[in-house]
Protein backbone atom coordinates (compact mmCIF):
# COMPACT_ATOMS: atom_id res chain seq x y z
CA MET A 1 -3.15 -62.39 -46.84
CA ARG A 2 -4.12 -64.69 -49.69
CA TRP A 3 -5.63 -63.04 -52.76
CA ALA A 4 -6.14 -66.24 -54.72
CA ALA A 5 -9.49 -67.18 -53.23
CA MET A 6 -12.20 -68.43 -55.57
CA ILE A 7 -14.86 -65.76 -55.78
CA GLY A 8 -17.51 -67.29 -57.98
CA THR A 9 -16.69 -64.96 -60.87
CA THR A 10 -15.32 -65.92 -64.26
CA ILE A 11 -11.97 -64.22 -64.61
CA VAL A 12 -9.52 -64.24 -67.49
CA PRO A 13 -6.10 -64.10 -65.80
CA ARG A 14 -3.94 -61.31 -67.13
CA ARG A 15 -0.31 -61.68 -68.00
CA ARG A 16 2.24 -59.91 -65.85
CA GLU A 17 3.00 -57.70 -68.88
CA ASP A 18 -0.54 -56.31 -68.61
CA ILE A 19 0.07 -54.82 -65.16
CA GLY A 20 1.31 -51.26 -65.45
CA GLU A 21 4.66 -50.24 -64.05
CA ASN A 22 5.07 -47.13 -61.96
CA ASP A 23 4.68 -44.24 -64.40
CA GLY A 24 4.27 -41.59 -61.71
CA SER A 25 0.50 -41.33 -62.03
CA MET A 26 -2.35 -42.51 -59.82
CA ARG A 27 -5.68 -43.51 -61.29
CA THR A 28 -9.00 -42.87 -59.54
CA LEU A 29 -11.72 -45.46 -60.13
CA HIS A 30 -15.24 -45.99 -58.82
CA ALA A 31 -16.33 -49.24 -57.17
CA THR A 32 -19.37 -50.63 -58.95
CA ARG A 33 -19.81 -53.99 -57.19
CA TYR A 34 -18.76 -55.53 -53.88
CA VAL A 35 -17.66 -59.06 -54.81
CA THR A 36 -16.40 -60.81 -51.67
CA PRO A 37 -14.57 -60.08 -48.41
CA LEU A 38 -11.01 -61.29 -47.81
CA ARG A 39 -11.45 -62.49 -44.26
CA GLU A 40 -7.79 -63.37 -43.77
CA GLY A 41 -7.13 -59.66 -43.22
CA GLY A 42 -7.89 -58.09 -39.86
CA SER A 43 -9.36 -54.96 -41.46
CA LEU A 44 -11.65 -57.01 -43.74
CA PRO A 45 -10.49 -55.81 -47.16
CA ALA A 46 -12.58 -56.93 -50.11
CA ILE A 47 -12.47 -57.78 -53.77
CA VAL A 48 -14.51 -55.22 -55.70
CA GLU A 49 -15.25 -54.56 -59.34
CA ALA A 50 -14.51 -51.07 -60.63
CA ASP A 51 -15.82 -48.96 -63.49
CA ASP A 52 -12.94 -50.09 -65.71
CA ASP A 53 -14.33 -53.68 -65.42
CA GLY A 54 -11.26 -54.73 -63.44
CA LEU A 55 -11.11 -56.41 -60.04
CA TYR A 56 -9.27 -54.78 -57.14
CA VAL A 57 -8.48 -55.48 -53.50
CA LEU A 58 -10.11 -52.57 -51.69
CA LYS A 59 -8.66 -51.25 -48.44
CA PHE A 60 -11.37 -49.42 -46.49
CA ARG A 61 -10.77 -45.99 -44.99
CA GLY A 62 -13.28 -46.80 -42.25
CA ALA A 63 -11.49 -49.95 -41.06
CA GLY A 64 -8.98 -50.57 -38.30
CA GLN A 65 -6.37 -47.82 -38.23
CA GLY A 66 -8.36 -45.69 -40.68
CA PRO A 67 -6.63 -43.34 -43.13
CA LYS A 68 -3.21 -43.90 -41.58
CA ALA A 69 -3.21 -47.50 -42.77
CA LEU A 70 -4.10 -46.29 -46.26
CA ILE A 71 -1.31 -43.71 -46.13
CA ALA A 72 1.16 -46.45 -45.19
CA GLU A 73 -0.17 -48.68 -47.98
CA LEU A 74 0.12 -45.85 -50.49
CA LEU A 75 3.55 -44.54 -49.51
CA ALA A 76 5.23 -47.90 -48.96
CA GLY A 77 3.71 -49.39 -52.09
CA GLU A 78 4.74 -46.50 -54.32
CA ILE A 79 8.24 -46.43 -52.79
CA GLY A 80 8.50 -50.13 -53.55
CA ARG A 81 7.48 -49.48 -57.15
CA ALA A 82 10.01 -46.63 -57.39
CA LEU A 83 12.65 -49.15 -56.32
CA GLY A 84 11.58 -51.44 -59.14
CA LEU A 85 9.94 -54.00 -56.88
CA PRO A 86 6.89 -55.97 -58.06
CA VAL A 87 3.95 -54.26 -56.32
CA PRO A 88 0.49 -54.43 -57.93
CA GLU A 89 -0.85 -51.17 -59.32
CA ILE A 90 -2.25 -48.92 -56.59
CA VAL A 91 -5.34 -46.85 -57.36
CA PHE A 92 -7.67 -44.53 -55.52
CA MET A 93 -11.14 -46.00 -55.27
CA GLU A 94 -14.32 -43.99 -54.79
CA LEU A 95 -16.89 -45.97 -52.82
CA ASP A 96 -20.60 -45.18 -52.71
CA ALA A 97 -22.01 -45.94 -49.26
CA GLU A 98 -25.21 -47.06 -50.99
CA LEU A 99 -23.43 -50.32 -51.93
CA ALA A 100 -24.04 -51.38 -48.33
CA ARG A 101 -27.72 -51.86 -49.11
CA THR A 102 -27.00 -54.98 -51.18
CA GLU A 103 -24.87 -56.69 -48.52
CA PRO A 104 -26.55 -59.05 -46.02
CA ASP A 105 -23.64 -59.06 -43.53
CA PRO A 106 -24.14 -56.27 -40.93
CA GLU A 107 -20.37 -55.98 -40.36
CA ILE A 108 -19.75 -55.41 -44.05
CA GLN A 109 -22.66 -52.97 -44.25
CA GLU A 110 -21.18 -50.91 -41.43
CA LEU A 111 -17.70 -50.97 -43.00
CA ILE A 112 -18.96 -49.78 -46.39
CA ARG A 113 -21.02 -46.98 -44.84
CA ALA A 114 -18.05 -45.84 -42.75
CA SER A 115 -15.85 -45.78 -45.85
CA GLY A 116 -17.98 -43.81 -48.26
CA GLY A 117 -15.78 -41.57 -50.39
CA LEU A 118 -12.11 -42.02 -51.29
CA ASN A 119 -10.37 -45.29 -50.44
CA LEU A 120 -7.36 -47.21 -51.73
CA ALA A 121 -7.17 -50.39 -53.79
CA LEU A 122 -4.58 -52.67 -55.37
CA ASP A 123 -4.87 -54.62 -58.57
CA TYR A 124 -6.23 -58.10 -57.87
CA LEU A 125 -3.95 -60.94 -59.03
CA PRO A 126 -6.29 -63.80 -59.99
CA GLY A 127 -4.86 -67.25 -59.56
CA SER A 128 -1.96 -66.12 -57.38
CA VAL A 129 -0.75 -68.38 -54.58
CA THR A 130 0.85 -67.63 -51.25
CA PHE A 131 4.66 -67.57 -51.21
CA ASP A 132 6.19 -70.66 -49.61
CA PRO A 133 9.79 -70.12 -48.41
CA LEU A 134 10.38 -73.89 -48.51
CA SER A 135 9.62 -74.24 -52.21
CA ASP A 136 9.83 -70.70 -53.61
CA ARG A 137 13.42 -69.52 -53.44
CA PRO A 138 13.94 -65.95 -54.72
CA ASP A 139 17.33 -64.97 -56.05
CA ALA A 140 19.69 -63.10 -53.73
CA ASP A 141 19.30 -59.76 -55.50
CA LEU A 142 15.50 -59.64 -55.30
CA ALA A 143 15.46 -60.94 -51.72
CA SER A 144 18.04 -58.33 -50.69
CA ARG A 145 16.11 -55.50 -52.34
CA ILE A 146 12.91 -56.53 -50.58
CA VAL A 147 14.64 -56.83 -47.19
CA TRP A 148 16.26 -53.40 -47.68
CA PHE A 149 12.92 -51.88 -48.70
CA ASP A 150 11.05 -53.37 -45.74
CA GLY A 151 13.72 -52.07 -43.38
CA PHE A 152 13.41 -48.62 -44.92
CA VAL A 153 9.61 -48.50 -44.50
CA THR A 154 9.65 -50.45 -41.19
CA ASN A 155 7.31 -53.14 -42.47
CA LEU A 156 6.16 -55.41 -39.65
CA ASP A 157 4.38 -57.91 -41.87
CA ARG A 158 6.90 -59.92 -43.84
CA THR A 159 7.45 -62.82 -41.47
CA PRO A 160 7.16 -66.58 -42.12
CA ARG A 161 3.80 -66.50 -40.34
CA ASN A 162 2.49 -63.64 -42.47
CA ALA A 163 4.74 -63.08 -45.48
CA ASN A 164 2.36 -60.93 -47.56
CA LEU A 165 4.06 -62.26 -50.67
CA LEU A 166 2.31 -63.88 -53.62
CA MET A 167 3.53 -65.95 -56.55
CA TRP A 168 1.80 -64.92 -59.77
CA HIS A 169 2.90 -65.86 -63.29
CA ARG A 170 6.03 -67.36 -61.69
CA ARG A 171 6.96 -64.00 -60.24
CA LEU A 172 7.06 -62.79 -56.64
CA TRP A 173 4.68 -59.93 -55.78
CA LEU A 174 4.57 -57.73 -52.66
CA ILE A 175 1.21 -56.91 -51.08
CA ASP A 176 -0.25 -55.41 -47.90
CA HIS A 177 1.93 -52.59 -46.54
CA GLY A 178 -0.64 -51.05 -44.20
CA ALA A 179 1.41 -51.97 -41.12
CA SER A 180 4.46 -50.08 -42.42
CA LEU A 181 5.52 -46.61 -41.25
CA TYR A 182 3.99 -47.30 -37.85
CA PHE A 183 5.72 -44.23 -36.37
CA GLN A 184 2.95 -42.07 -37.86
CA HIS A 185 0.52 -43.39 -35.25
CA GLN A 186 2.49 -41.44 -32.65
CA TRP A 187 4.42 -38.67 -34.35
CA GLY A 188 7.48 -37.28 -32.66
CA ASP A 189 10.61 -35.71 -34.13
CA PRO A 190 10.78 -37.08 -37.72
CA LEU A 191 14.56 -36.87 -37.84
CA GLN A 192 15.02 -38.65 -34.53
CA MET A 193 12.58 -41.40 -35.49
CA ALA A 194 14.22 -41.87 -38.89
CA ALA A 195 17.64 -42.53 -37.36
CA LYS A 196 16.41 -45.61 -35.51
CA PRO A 197 17.27 -49.12 -36.74
CA PHE A 198 14.57 -51.70 -37.38
CA ALA A 199 15.30 -54.62 -35.06
CA LEU A 200 12.32 -56.66 -36.29
CA ILE A 201 14.10 -57.18 -39.62
CA LYS A 202 15.60 -60.28 -37.98
CA ASP A 203 12.21 -61.97 -38.45
CA HIS A 204 11.98 -61.21 -42.18
CA VAL A 205 10.97 -64.26 -44.22
CA LEU A 206 13.48 -63.44 -46.98
CA LEU A 207 16.44 -62.59 -44.74
CA PRO A 208 18.12 -66.00 -45.27
CA PHE A 209 18.18 -65.34 -49.03
CA ALA A 210 19.40 -61.72 -48.78
CA ALA A 211 23.08 -62.23 -49.57
CA ARG A 212 23.49 -58.98 -51.54
CA LEU A 213 22.40 -56.45 -48.93
CA SER A 214 25.64 -54.48 -49.09
CA ASP A 215 25.35 -54.05 -52.86
CA VAL A 216 21.69 -53.07 -52.62
CA ASP A 217 22.43 -50.55 -49.86
CA ALA A 218 24.99 -48.91 -52.11
CA GLN A 219 22.59 -48.64 -55.05
CA ALA A 220 19.00 -48.27 -53.83
CA PRO A 221 19.18 -44.79 -52.23
CA ALA A 222 19.94 -43.21 -55.61
CA LEU A 223 16.50 -44.33 -56.83
CA LEU A 224 14.73 -42.42 -54.05
CA THR A 225 15.60 -38.84 -54.94
CA THR A 226 13.99 -35.94 -53.12
CA ALA A 227 11.87 -35.27 -56.19
CA THR A 228 10.67 -38.89 -56.26
CA LEU A 229 9.83 -38.88 -52.56
CA GLU A 230 8.01 -35.55 -52.81
CA ALA A 231 5.99 -36.79 -55.78
CA ILE A 232 4.95 -39.91 -53.86
CA VAL A 233 4.06 -37.99 -50.68
CA ASP A 234 2.12 -35.43 -52.71
CA THR A 235 -0.31 -38.16 -53.77
CA ILE A 236 -1.71 -38.42 -50.22
CA PRO A 237 -5.22 -36.90 -50.28
CA ASP A 238 -5.67 -33.89 -48.00
CA THR A 239 -8.70 -35.51 -46.38
CA TRP A 240 -6.57 -38.40 -45.12
CA LEU A 241 -4.05 -36.00 -43.60
CA HIS A 242 -6.72 -34.10 -41.66
CA HIS A 243 -7.53 -37.21 -39.66
CA ASP A 244 -5.95 -37.14 -36.18
CA SER A 245 -3.00 -35.06 -37.41
CA PRO A 246 -0.51 -33.30 -35.09
CA PHE A 247 0.44 -30.89 -37.89
CA PRO A 248 -1.14 -27.49 -38.62
CA ASP A 249 -1.97 -28.34 -42.23
CA PRO A 250 -1.48 -31.07 -44.87
CA ALA A 251 1.58 -29.30 -46.34
CA ALA A 252 3.41 -29.50 -43.00
CA HIS A 253 2.36 -33.13 -42.65
CA ARG A 254 3.80 -33.95 -46.07
CA ARG A 255 7.06 -32.13 -45.30
CA ALA A 256 7.47 -34.26 -42.19
CA PHE A 257 7.14 -37.44 -44.23
CA VAL A 258 9.73 -36.24 -46.75
CA GLN A 259 12.13 -35.21 -43.97
CA TYR A 260 11.72 -38.62 -42.37
CA PHE A 261 12.54 -40.42 -45.61
CA GLN A 262 15.49 -38.16 -46.40
CA ARG A 263 17.02 -38.71 -42.98
CA ARG A 264 16.45 -42.45 -43.21
CA LEU A 265 18.36 -42.50 -46.49
CA ALA A 266 21.31 -40.55 -45.12
CA ALA A 267 24.45 -42.60 -44.51
CA PRO A 268 25.14 -44.43 -42.37
CA ARG A 269 21.72 -46.09 -42.64
CA ALA A 270 20.93 -47.73 -39.33
CA PHE A 271 18.19 -49.90 -40.80
CA ALA A 272 20.56 -51.33 -43.44
CA GLU A 273 23.29 -51.98 -40.88
CA GLU A 274 20.74 -53.77 -38.69
CA ALA A 275 19.68 -55.95 -41.64
CA LEU A 276 23.32 -56.82 -42.40
CA ARG A 277 23.92 -57.81 -38.76
CA ALA A 278 20.74 -59.90 -38.72
CA HIS A 279 21.71 -61.68 -41.94
CA ALA A 280 25.21 -62.42 -40.62
CA ALA A 281 23.80 -63.73 -37.32
CA ALA A 282 21.40 -66.01 -39.18
CA HIS A 283 24.31 -67.64 -40.96
CA VAL A 284 26.60 -68.20 -37.97
């Protein structure tokens, strides 16, 4: 998805230093104005203004896959930030269904009404441009860390056709992780699911640049301690976990996520081995 669309609003671009790093906290803001839809996305996310006068890309709870897509966006995004990857700040966004009254598009009206309450949003990066693998060549360390991360969270959407990468202030940024962690749409045994490789990593747009996968695989797991994973999973709102859940309560649901991540990190890591094989095959 491209977030650099002109939206008819005067914006003073912020420096990358102005975007907060992951400090372990999640802010909750209130949407005050619907600015424009981002129609490149299938779930029709939108740029909104919040009560801190900032602009955010809002992901609607009432769209597409519902709360599960927001859970994937939240967990994968915060895991990426815990790994030191450049992911825009993630915030909770309260949305008043009354905002639908000012929108002429019936589809947008319906989406806003269906999403009244708590949603998720990412900091909008004004002036960013879509990553081009032919002209934007990330260094091997960053590319390897992103490939490893996407294998860990089973991210389907990092292909040349849909890279979900932006260049902003000459830096690569990762966006749109709602298609990650797709196993949660049909829960089974978390430990069994976590042991599976991720064959689709062969289609990753950064795989040709990922020459340091072995080094990253040796270092990255130490950043995802049990305490870190539990803190990230604990941020999931209870209301999102009540939706179509196979678990008796939100606490059990959260434990299953943590168990999944812990097992996926246990050596040998099938997803990392799969990425290494795919990288080697791409260079034969």
